[in-house]
C-alpha atoms as a PDB file:
ATOM      1  CA  MET A   1      -0.137  -0.098   0.005  1.00  0.00           C
ATOM      2  CA  ASP A   2       1.403   3.149  -1.238  1.00  0.00           C
ATOM      3  CA  ASP A   3       1.783   6.313   0.949  1.00  0.00           C
ATOM      4  CA  ARG A   4      -1.214   8.068  -0.542  1.00  0.00           C
ATOM      5  CA  THR A   5      -3.370   4.968   0.006  1.00  0.00           C
ATOM      6  CA  LYS A   6      -2.438   4.992   3.640  1.00  0.00           C
ATOM      7  CA  GLU A   7      -3.177   8.340   3.953  1.00  0.00           C
ATOM      8  CA  LEU A   8      -6.647   7.824   2.198  1.00  0.00           C
ATOM      9  CA  LEU A   9      -7.184   4.882   4.575  1.00  0.00           C
ATOM     10  CA  SER A  10      -6.323   7.049   7.748  1.00  0.00           C
ATOM     11  CA  LEU A  11      -8.899   9.894   6.884  1.00  0.00           C
ATOM     12  CA  GLY A  12     -11.667   7.725   6.272  1.00  0.00           C
ATOM     13  CA  ALA A  13     -11.374   6.116   9.723  1.00  0.00           C
ATOM     14  CA  ARG A  14     -10.584   9.469  11.291  1.00  0.00           C
ATOM     15  CA  SER A  15     -14.033  10.503   9.178  1.00  0.00           C
ATOM     16  CA  PHE A  16     -15.627   7.627  10.367  1.00  0.00           C
ATOM     17  CA  LYS A  17     -14.690   7.959  14.215  1.00  0.00           C
ATOM     18  CA  GLU A  18     -15.737  11.305  14.175  1.00  0.00           C
ATOM     19  CA  GLY A  19     -19.385  10.764  12.254  1.00  0.00           C
ATOM     20  CA  ASP A  20     -18.524  12.312   8.874  1.00  0.00           C
ATOM     21  CA  PHE A  21     -19.799   9.381   7.069  1.00  0.00           C
ATOM     22  CA  LYS A  22     -19.875  11.192   3.705  1.00  0.00           C
ATOM     23  CA  SER A  23     -16.116  11.816   3.822  1.00  0.00           C
ATOM     24  CA  ALA A  24     -15.183   8.550   5.254  1.00  0.00           C
ATOM     25  CA  GLU A  25     -17.043   6.719   2.526  1.00  0.00           C
ATOM     26  CA  ASP A  26     -15.224   9.024  -0.089  1.00  0.00           C
ATOM     27  CA  SER A  27     -12.079   8.106   1.287  1.00  0.00           C
ATOM     28  CA  PHE A  28     -12.423   4.738   1.741  1.00  0.00           C
ATOM     29  CA  ARG A  29     -13.635   4.603  -1.954  1.00  0.00           C
ATOM     30  CA  GLN A  30     -10.631   6.287  -3.271  1.00  0.00           C
ATOM     31  CA  ALA A  31      -8.362   3.938  -1.088  1.00  0.00           C
ATOM     32  CA  LEU A  32     -10.313   1.075  -2.795  1.00  0.00           C
ATOM     33  CA  GLU A  33      -9.765   2.645  -5.995  1.00  0.00           C
ATOM     34  CA  ALA A  34      -5.687   2.816  -5.306  1.00  0.00           C
ATOM     35  CA  ASP A  35      -5.544  -0.774  -3.808  1.00  0.00           C
ATOM     36  CA  PRO A  36      -8.823  -2.981  -4.196  1.00  0.00           C
ATOM     37  CA  GLN A  37      -6.760  -5.789  -3.281  1.00  0.00           C
ATOM     38  CA  SER A  38      -6.544  -4.438   0.637  1.00  0.00           C
ATOM     39  CA  ALA A  39      -8.565  -6.884   2.890  1.00  0.00           C
ATOM     40  CA  LEU A  40      -7.977  -3.791   5.516  1.00  0.00           C
ATOM     41  CA  ILE A  41      -9.755  -1.002   3.268  1.00  0.00           C
ATOM     42  CA  HIS A  42     -12.562  -3.350   2.319  1.00  0.00           C
ATOM     43  CA  ASN A  43     -13.040  -4.472   5.750  1.00  0.00           C
ATOM     44  CA  ASN A  44     -13.052  -0.818   7.156  1.00  0.00           C
ATOM     45  CA  TYR A  45     -15.402   0.247   4.248  1.00  0.00           C
ATOM     46  CA  ALA A  46     -17.365  -2.706   5.383  1.00  0.00           C
ATOM     47  CA  MET A  47     -17.757  -1.046   8.751  1.00  0.00           C
ATOM     48  CA  LEU A  48     -18.859   2.041   7.751  1.00  0.00           C
ATOM     49  CA  LEU A  49     -21.713   0.891   5.515  1.00  0.00           C
ATOM     50  CA  LYS A  50     -22.867  -1.458   8.140  1.00  0.00           C
ATOM     51  CA  ARG A  51     -23.099   1.890  10.152  1.00  0.00           C
ATOM     52  CA  MET A  52     -24.650   3.212   7.616  1.00  0.00           C
ATOM     53  CA  GLU A  53     -27.179   0.646   7.446  1.00  0.00           C
ATOM     54  CA  ARG A  54     -26.228  -0.628   4.000  1.00  0.00           C
ATOM     55  CA  ILE A  55     -25.835  -3.963   5.149  1.00  0.00           C
ATOM     56  CA  ASP A  56     -25.852  -5.587   1.445  1.00  0.00           C
ATOM     57  CA  ASP A  57     -22.911  -3.712   0.588  1.00  0.00           C
ATOM     58  CA  ALA A  58     -21.421  -4.097   3.904  1.00  0.00           C
ATOM     59  CA  GLU A  59     -21.734  -7.814   3.392  1.00  0.00           C
ATOM     60  CA  PHE A  60     -19.962  -7.487   0.048  1.00  0.00           C
ATOM     61  CA  HIS A  61     -17.409  -6.117   1.215  1.00  0.00           C
ATOM     62  CA  PHE A  62     -16.705  -8.397   4.337  1.00  0.00           C
ATOM     63  CA  LYS A  63     -16.742 -11.073   1.990  1.00  0.00           C
ATOM     64  CA  THR A  64     -14.042  -9.976  -0.543  1.00  0.00           C
ATOM     65  CA  ALA A  65     -11.809  -9.033   2.697  1.00  0.00           C
ATOM     66  CA  LEU A  66     -12.394 -12.680   3.687  1.00  0.00           C
ATOM     67  CA  GLU A  67     -11.420 -13.529   0.314  1.00  0.00           C
ATOM     68  CA  LEU A  68      -8.304 -11.398   0.358  1.00  0.00           C
ATOM     69  CA  ASP A  69      -7.073 -12.584   3.604  1.00  0.00           C
ATOM     70  CA  PRO A  70      -9.120 -15.621   5.037  1.00  0.00           C
ATOM     71  CA  GLN A  71      -7.066 -15.931   8.160  1.00  0.00           C
ATOM     72  CA  ASN A  72      -8.046 -12.668   9.685  1.00  0.00           C
ATOM     73  CA  THR A  73     -10.013 -13.149  12.498  1.00  0.00           C
ATOM     74  CA  GLN A  74     -10.961  -9.599  13.089  1.00  0.00           C
ATOM     75  CA  ILE A  75     -12.392  -9.711   9.701  1.00  0.00           C
ATOM     76  CA  MET A  76     -14.213 -13.100  10.520  1.00  0.00           C
ATOM     77  CA  LYS A  77     -15.477 -11.425  13.752  1.00  0.00           C
ATOM     78  CA  ASN A  78     -16.811  -8.458  11.965  1.00  0.00           C
ATOM     79  CA  TYR A  79     -18.772 -10.271   9.377  1.00  0.00           C
ATOM     80  CA  GLY A  80     -20.094 -12.614  11.793  1.00  0.00           C
ATOM     81  CA  LYS A  81     -21.474  -9.965  13.713  1.00  0.00           C
ATOM     82  CA  LEU A  82     -22.915  -8.397  10.683  1.00  0.00           C
ATOM     83  CA  LEU A  83     -24.373 -11.801   9.817  1.00  0.00           C
ATOM     84  CA  LYS A  84     -25.848 -12.734  13.217  1.00  0.00           C
ATOM     85  CA  GLU A  85     -27.664  -9.112  13.077  1.00  0.00           C
ATOM     86  CA  LYS A  86     -28.949  -9.522   9.790  1.00  0.00           C
ATOM     87  CA  ASN A  87     -30.321 -12.990  10.576  1.00  0.00           C
ATOM     88  CA  ASN A  88     -31.853 -11.227  13.727  1.00  0.00           C
ATOM     89  CA  ALA A  89     -33.575  -8.665  11.966  1.00  0.00           C
ATOM     90  CA  LYS A  90     -35.117 -11.202   9.677  1.00  0.00           C
ATOM     91  CA  LYS A  91     -36.414 -13.305  12.498  1.00  0.00           C
ATOM     92  CA  GLU A  92     -37.720 -10.201  14.040  1.00  0.00           C
ATOM     93  CA  GLU A  93     -39.701  -9.179  10.557  1.00  0.00           C
ATOM     94  CA  GLU A  94     -40.897 -12.733  10.082  1.00  0.00           C
ATOM     95  CA  ASN A  95     -42.464 -12.492  13.638  1.00  0.00           C
ATOM     96  CA  ASN A  96     -43.738  -9.333  12.949  1.00  0.00           C
ATOM     97  CA  GLN A  97     -45.809 -10.500   9.727  1.00  0.00           C
ATOM     98  CA  ALA A  98     -46.899 -13.548  11.780  1.00  0.00           C
ATOM     99  CA  LEU A  99     -48.889 -11.160  14.277  1.00  0.00           C
END
């Protein structure tokens, strides 16, 4: 990862922490354009998308991150948490429809 990409990743992470999701997304997208094979960038972008409740997009980037780095336990945990939350939301929706 070159210095500019690292800078974009850092800016994205900082913007995310500050709640500036638009800037974070712009930074992560630019970082992904520069280094589409970075599991770290895909993971961070997925975390942002999850927070923005763009679950399908987040799932895509978690899957991609795991394909790129299948032994990364942090990505596994993050993706597993998303899947659990997605499953719980689906069950809740089904229960509400049954009422």
